[in-house]
């Protein structure tokens, strides 16, 4: 209606919007091969999943007093979470390390930087 400079929305306007939304949704859900993958609807962005993982590590640190984590422990924690990553847990840990959010210590252990709330 706005595009046509009309103040009244027609049924055709509504159907056009629905069609555009469907096309957009299918584009978002398509994998690299063009197949629609409904499991990609995790409800959380990759950045959101990274933040949730870091918060889970912090929560476990506060609960247990443990401040350093092995890669195996980080994998186990990640597997308990509803993460739908497009890459492996090891890649997640590497990405967080490169971002300076999860620091790799010399002995193969990792510690999380404090997140700002």
N, C-alpha and C. Protein backbone atom coordinates (compact mmCIF):
# COMPACT_ATOMS: atom_id res chain seq x y z
N UNK A 1 0.83 -1.18 0.00
CA UNK A 1 0.00 0.00 0.00
C UNK A 1 0.87 1.25 0.00
N UNK A 2 1.95 1.26 0.82
CA UNK A 2 2.81 2.43 0.86
C UNK A 2 3.50 2.64 -0.48
N UNK A 3 3.93 1.54 -1.10
CA UNK A 3 4.59 1.65 -2.39
C UNK A 3 3.66 2.25 -3.43
N UNK A 4 2.39 1.89 -3.37
CA UNK A 4 1.40 2.43 -4.29
C UNK A 4 0.81 3.75 -3.82
N UNK A 5 1.35 4.30 -2.73
CA UNK A 5 0.87 5.56 -2.15
C UNK A 5 -0.61 5.51 -1.82
N UNK A 6 -1.04 4.32 -1.30
CA UNK A 6 -2.44 4.16 -0.90
C UNK A 6 -2.50 4.07 0.61
N UNK A 7 -3.61 4.52 1.17
CA UNK A 7 -3.79 4.45 2.63
C UNK A 7 -4.49 3.16 3.03
N UNK A 8 -5.00 2.41 2.06
CA UNK A 8 -5.71 1.16 2.34
C UNK A 8 -4.90 -0.02 1.79
N UNK A 9 -4.78 -1.07 2.62
CA UNK A 9 -4.08 -2.27 2.21
C UNK A 9 -5.07 -3.22 1.56
N UNK A 10 -4.70 -3.73 0.39
CA UNK A 10 -5.57 -4.67 -0.31
C UNK A 10 -5.15 -6.10 0.00
N UNK A 11 -5.98 -7.04 -0.36
CA UNK A 11 -5.65 -8.45 -0.18
C UNK A 11 -4.41 -8.80 -1.00
N UNK A 12 -4.28 -8.23 -2.17
CA UNK A 12 -3.11 -8.48 -3.01
C UNK A 12 -1.84 -7.98 -2.33
N UNK A 13 -1.91 -6.82 -1.66
CA UNK A 13 -0.76 -6.30 -0.91
C UNK A 13 -0.33 -7.31 0.15
N UNK A 14 -1.29 -7.82 0.89
CA UNK A 14 -1.00 -8.79 1.96
C UNK A 14 -0.40 -10.07 1.38
N UNK A 15 -0.95 -10.56 0.27
CA UNK A 15 -0.43 -11.77 -0.36
C UNK A 15 0.99 -11.55 -0.89
N UNK A 16 1.26 -10.35 -1.41
CA UNK A 16 2.62 -10.03 -1.87
C UNK A 16 3.62 -10.08 -0.71
N UNK A 17 3.22 -9.52 0.43
CA UNK A 17 4.10 -9.52 1.61
C UNK A 17 4.35 -10.95 2.08
N UNK A 18 3.31 -11.76 2.12
CA UNK A 18 3.46 -13.16 2.54
C UNK A 18 4.40 -13.89 1.59
N UNK A 19 4.25 -13.65 0.31
CA UNK A 19 5.15 -14.28 -0.67
C UNK A 19 6.59 -13.88 -0.47
N UNK A 20 6.83 -12.60 -0.21
CA UNK A 20 8.19 -12.12 0.04
C UNK A 20 8.78 -12.74 1.30
N UNK A 21 7.96 -12.86 2.35
CA UNK A 21 8.43 -13.46 3.61
C UNK A 21 8.80 -14.92 3.40
N UNK A 22 7.98 -15.65 2.64
CA UNK A 22 8.27 -17.06 2.37
C UNK A 22 9.58 -17.20 1.61
N UNK A 23 9.76 -16.37 0.59
CA UNK A 23 11.01 -16.42 -0.18
C UNK A 23 12.21 -16.12 0.70
N UNK A 24 12.09 -15.11 1.55
CA UNK A 24 13.19 -14.76 2.45
C UNK A 24 13.51 -15.89 3.41
N UNK A 25 12.48 -16.50 3.96
CA UNK A 25 12.67 -17.61 4.89
C UNK A 25 13.37 -18.77 4.21
N UNK A 26 12.94 -19.11 3.01
CA UNK A 26 13.58 -20.20 2.29
C UNK A 26 15.03 -19.88 1.97
N UNK A 27 15.34 -18.63 1.65
CA UNK A 27 16.73 -18.25 1.39
C UNK A 27 17.58 -18.43 2.63
N UNK A 28 17.05 -18.04 3.76
CA UNK A 28 17.79 -18.16 5.02
C UNK A 28 18.01 -19.62 5.39
N UNK A 29 17.03 -20.47 5.13
CA UNK A 29 17.11 -21.87 5.54
C UNK A 29 17.84 -22.77 4.55
N UNK A 30 18.19 -22.25 3.39
CA UNK A 30 18.89 -23.08 2.42
C UNK A 30 20.34 -23.26 2.84
N UNK A 31 20.80 -24.51 2.70
CA UNK A 31 22.21 -24.75 2.98
C UNK A 31 23.02 -24.42 1.75
N UNK A 32 24.34 -24.71 1.80
CA UNK A 32 25.20 -24.35 0.69
C UNK A 32 24.87 -25.07 -0.61
N UNK A 33 24.15 -26.18 -0.53
CA UNK A 33 23.78 -26.94 -1.74
C UNK A 33 22.42 -26.52 -2.28
N UNK A 34 21.73 -25.62 -1.60
CA UNK A 34 20.43 -25.15 -2.05
C UNK A 34 19.26 -25.91 -1.48
N UNK A 35 19.52 -26.88 -0.62
CA UNK A 35 18.46 -27.67 0.01
C UNK A 35 17.95 -26.92 1.24
N UNK A 36 16.64 -26.86 1.40
CA UNK A 36 16.06 -26.18 2.56
C UNK A 36 16.23 -27.08 3.79
N UNK A 37 16.86 -26.53 4.82
CA UNK A 37 17.17 -27.27 6.04
C UNK A 37 16.51 -26.57 7.22
N UNK A 38 15.37 -27.09 7.67
CA UNK A 38 14.61 -26.46 8.74
C UNK A 38 15.31 -26.53 10.09
N UNK A 39 16.34 -27.37 10.22
CA UNK A 39 17.08 -27.43 11.49
C UNK A 39 17.95 -26.19 11.67
N UNK A 40 18.07 -25.37 10.63
CA UNK A 40 18.87 -24.15 10.74
C UNK A 40 18.15 -23.07 11.53
N UNK A 41 16.92 -23.32 11.91
CA UNK A 41 16.16 -22.35 12.70
C UNK A 41 16.48 -22.55 14.18
N UNK A 42 17.67 -22.17 14.57
CA UNK A 42 18.06 -22.36 15.97
C UNK A 42 17.49 -21.29 16.87
N UNK A 43 17.08 -20.19 16.28
CA UNK A 43 16.55 -19.10 17.08
C UNK A 43 17.63 -18.23 17.68
N UNK A 44 18.89 -18.58 17.45
CA UNK A 44 19.97 -17.81 18.02
C UNK A 44 21.06 -17.64 16.95
N UNK A 45 21.57 -16.44 16.82
CA UNK A 45 22.64 -16.18 15.86
C UNK A 45 23.92 -16.87 16.31
N UNK A 46 24.88 -16.94 15.40
CA UNK A 46 26.17 -17.54 15.74
C UNK A 46 26.82 -16.77 16.89
N UNK A 47 26.72 -15.45 16.84
CA UNK A 47 27.27 -14.61 17.92
C UNK A 47 26.54 -14.88 19.23
N UNK A 48 25.22 -15.04 19.16
CA UNK A 48 24.44 -15.36 20.35
C UNK A 48 24.82 -16.71 20.94
N UNK A 49 25.10 -17.68 20.07
CA UNK A 49 25.50 -18.99 20.54
C UNK A 49 26.88 -18.93 21.19
N UNK A 50 27.78 -18.12 20.62
CA UNK A 50 29.10 -17.95 21.23
C UNK A 50 28.97 -17.34 22.63
N UNK A 51 28.14 -16.32 22.74
CA UNK A 51 27.94 -15.66 24.03
C UNK A 51 27.32 -16.62 25.04
N UNK A 52 26.34 -17.42 24.59
CA UNK A 52 25.71 -18.39 25.48
C UNK A 52 26.72 -19.42 25.98
N UNK A 53 27.62 -19.85 25.10
CA UNK A 53 28.66 -20.81 25.47
C UNK A 53 29.60 -20.20 26.50
N UNK A 54 30.02 -18.96 26.27
CA UNK A 54 30.89 -18.29 27.23
C UNK A 54 30.21 -18.11 28.58
N UNK A 55 28.93 -17.75 28.56
CA UNK A 55 28.19 -17.59 29.82
C UNK A 55 28.05 -18.92 30.55
N UNK A 56 27.91 -20.01 29.79
CA UNK A 56 27.82 -21.33 30.43
C UNK A 56 29.14 -21.68 31.10
N UNK A 57 30.25 -21.34 30.46
CA UNK A 57 31.57 -21.60 31.07
C UNK A 57 31.71 -20.77 32.34
N UNK A 58 31.31 -19.49 32.27
CA UNK A 58 31.39 -18.64 33.45
C UNK A 58 30.51 -19.16 34.58
N UNK A 59 29.31 -19.61 34.24
CA UNK A 59 28.41 -20.13 35.26
C UNK A 59 29.00 -21.37 35.93
N UNK A 60 29.61 -22.24 35.13
CA UNK A 60 30.25 -23.44 35.70
C UNK A 60 31.44 -23.05 36.56
N UNK A 61 32.17 -22.04 36.14
CA UNK A 61 33.32 -21.56 36.93
C UNK A 61 32.85 -21.05 38.29
N UNK A 62 31.77 -20.28 38.29
CA UNK A 62 31.24 -19.74 39.54
C UNK A 62 30.71 -20.86 40.44
N UNK A 63 30.09 -21.86 39.82
CA UNK A 63 29.50 -22.96 40.58
C UNK A 63 30.56 -23.89 41.17
N UNK A 64 31.60 -24.19 40.37
CA UNK A 64 32.58 -25.18 40.79
C UNK A 64 33.88 -24.58 41.32
N UNK A 65 34.12 -23.30 41.01
CA UNK A 65 35.38 -22.69 41.40
C UNK A 65 36.50 -22.99 40.41
N UNK A 66 36.23 -23.77 39.41
CA UNK A 66 37.22 -24.12 38.39
C UNK A 66 37.38 -22.92 37.44
N UNK A 67 38.65 -22.53 37.19
CA UNK A 67 38.87 -21.35 36.35
C UNK A 67 39.53 -21.70 35.02
N UNK A 68 40.02 -22.92 34.90
CA UNK A 68 40.63 -23.36 33.65
C UNK A 68 39.97 -24.66 33.20
N UNK A 69 39.82 -24.78 31.87
CA UNK A 69 39.09 -25.90 31.29
C UNK A 69 39.89 -26.55 30.18
N UNK A 70 39.88 -27.87 30.14
CA UNK A 70 40.53 -28.57 29.03
C UNK A 70 39.60 -28.54 27.82
N UNK A 71 40.14 -28.82 26.65
CA UNK A 71 39.32 -28.84 25.45
C UNK A 71 38.24 -29.91 25.56
N UNK A 72 38.57 -31.05 26.17
CA UNK A 72 37.58 -32.13 26.35
C UNK A 72 36.42 -31.66 27.24
N UNK A 73 36.74 -30.90 28.30
CA UNK A 73 35.69 -30.37 29.17
C UNK A 73 34.82 -29.35 28.44
N UNK A 74 35.44 -28.52 27.62
CA UNK A 74 34.68 -27.54 26.84
C UNK A 74 33.77 -28.23 25.83
N UNK A 75 34.28 -29.30 25.20
CA UNK A 75 33.45 -30.07 24.26
C UNK A 75 32.24 -30.66 24.98
N UNK A 76 32.49 -31.25 26.16
CA UNK A 76 31.40 -31.87 26.92
C UNK A 76 30.34 -30.83 27.31
N UNK A 77 30.79 -29.65 27.71
CA UNK A 77 29.85 -28.59 28.07
C UNK A 77 29.04 -28.16 26.85
N UNK A 78 29.71 -27.98 25.72
CA UNK A 78 29.03 -27.55 24.49
C UNK A 78 27.99 -28.59 24.04
N UNK A 79 28.30 -29.87 24.22
CA UNK A 79 27.37 -30.91 23.81
C UNK A 79 26.12 -30.95 24.68
N UNK A 80 26.20 -30.39 25.87
CA UNK A 80 25.02 -30.31 26.76
C UNK A 80 24.10 -29.16 26.39
N UNK A 81 24.59 -28.28 25.52
CA UNK A 81 23.83 -27.08 25.16
C UNK A 81 23.13 -27.29 23.82
N UNK A 82 22.04 -26.56 23.58
CA UNK A 82 21.33 -26.69 22.30
C UNK A 82 21.95 -25.83 21.21
N UNK A 83 23.26 -25.99 20.99
CA UNK A 83 23.94 -25.21 19.96
C UNK A 83 23.71 -25.84 18.59
N UNK A 84 23.51 -25.01 17.61
CA UNK A 84 23.36 -25.47 16.23
C UNK A 84 24.39 -24.72 15.40
N UNK A 85 25.64 -25.11 15.59
CA UNK A 85 26.74 -24.42 14.93
C UNK A 85 26.93 -24.95 13.51
N UNK A 86 27.45 -24.10 12.66
CA UNK A 86 27.78 -24.49 11.29
C UNK A 86 29.21 -25.01 11.22
N UNK A 87 29.87 -25.10 12.39
CA UNK A 87 31.24 -25.56 12.46
C UNK A 87 31.40 -26.37 13.75
N UNK A 88 32.56 -26.97 13.93
CA UNK A 88 32.77 -27.86 15.07
C UNK A 88 32.97 -27.08 16.38
N UNK A 89 32.88 -27.81 17.47
CA UNK A 89 33.12 -27.22 18.79
C UNK A 89 34.57 -26.73 18.87
N UNK A 90 35.49 -27.50 18.30
CA UNK A 90 36.89 -27.09 18.30
C UNK A 90 37.06 -25.76 17.56
N UNK A 91 36.34 -25.59 16.46
CA UNK A 91 36.39 -24.32 15.72
C UNK A 91 35.80 -23.19 16.56
N UNK A 92 34.73 -23.48 17.31
CA UNK A 92 34.14 -22.48 18.19
C UNK A 92 35.17 -22.03 19.22
N UNK A 93 35.86 -22.97 19.82
CA UNK A 93 36.88 -22.65 20.82
C UNK A 93 38.00 -21.83 20.17
N UNK A 94 38.44 -22.22 18.97
CA UNK A 94 39.48 -21.48 18.25
C UNK A 94 39.03 -20.05 17.95
N UNK A 95 37.79 -19.91 17.49
CA UNK A 95 37.28 -18.57 17.17
C UNK A 95 37.25 -17.69 18.42
N UNK A 96 36.77 -18.26 19.52
CA UNK A 96 36.70 -17.49 20.76
C UNK A 96 38.10 -17.14 21.27
N UNK A 97 39.06 -18.03 21.04
CA UNK A 97 40.44 -17.77 21.42
C UNK A 97 41.02 -16.63 20.57
N UNK A 98 40.77 -16.65 19.27
CA UNK A 98 41.26 -15.60 18.38
C UNK A 98 40.62 -14.25 18.69
N UNK A 99 39.41 -14.27 19.22
CA UNK A 99 38.71 -13.04 19.59
C UNK A 99 39.15 -12.53 20.96
N UNK A 100 39.97 -13.32 21.66
CA UNK A 100 40.45 -12.91 22.97
C UNK A 100 39.43 -13.11 24.08
N UNK A 101 38.38 -13.90 23.81
CA UNK A 101 37.33 -14.14 24.81
C UNK A 101 37.56 -15.41 25.60
N UNK A 102 38.29 -16.34 25.02
CA UNK A 102 38.62 -17.61 25.66
C UNK A 102 40.12 -17.78 25.47
N UNK A 103 40.87 -17.67 26.54
CA UNK A 103 42.33 -17.64 26.43
C UNK A 103 42.94 -19.02 26.61
N UNK A 104 43.79 -19.40 25.66
CA UNK A 104 44.48 -20.68 25.74
C UNK A 104 45.75 -20.49 26.55
N UNK A 105 45.85 -21.30 27.61
CA UNK A 105 47.02 -21.25 28.47
C UNK A 105 48.08 -22.20 27.90
N UNK A 106 49.30 -22.06 28.34
CA UNK A 106 50.40 -22.87 27.84
C UNK A 106 50.25 -24.35 28.07
N UNK A 107 49.50 -24.75 29.08
CA UNK A 107 49.36 -26.16 29.41
C UNK A 107 48.15 -26.81 28.74
N UNK A 108 47.61 -26.18 27.68
CA UNK A 108 46.47 -26.75 26.95
C UNK A 108 45.13 -26.51 27.60
N UNK A 109 45.11 -25.67 28.63
CA UNK A 109 43.86 -25.33 29.29
C UNK A 109 43.39 -23.96 28.81
N UNK A 110 42.10 -23.73 28.96
CA UNK A 110 41.49 -22.47 28.53
C UNK A 110 40.85 -21.79 29.72
N UNK A 111 40.87 -20.46 29.70
CA UNK A 111 40.14 -19.70 30.71
C UNK A 111 39.32 -18.65 29.97
N UNK A 112 38.15 -18.35 30.52
CA UNK A 112 37.25 -17.40 29.88
C UNK A 112 37.48 -16.01 30.46
N UNK A 113 37.45 -15.03 29.57
CA UNK A 113 37.53 -13.64 30.03
C UNK A 113 36.16 -13.28 30.60
N UNK A 114 36.13 -12.36 31.52
CA UNK A 114 34.86 -11.94 32.12
C UNK A 114 34.02 -11.22 31.06
N UNK A 115 32.76 -11.61 30.96
CA UNK A 115 31.84 -10.95 30.03
C UNK A 115 31.21 -9.77 30.73
N UNK A 116 30.97 -8.73 29.96
CA UNK A 116 30.25 -7.56 30.48
C UNK A 116 28.77 -7.83 30.38
N UNK A 117 28.03 -7.56 31.43
CA UNK A 117 26.58 -7.79 31.43
C UNK A 117 25.86 -6.57 30.98
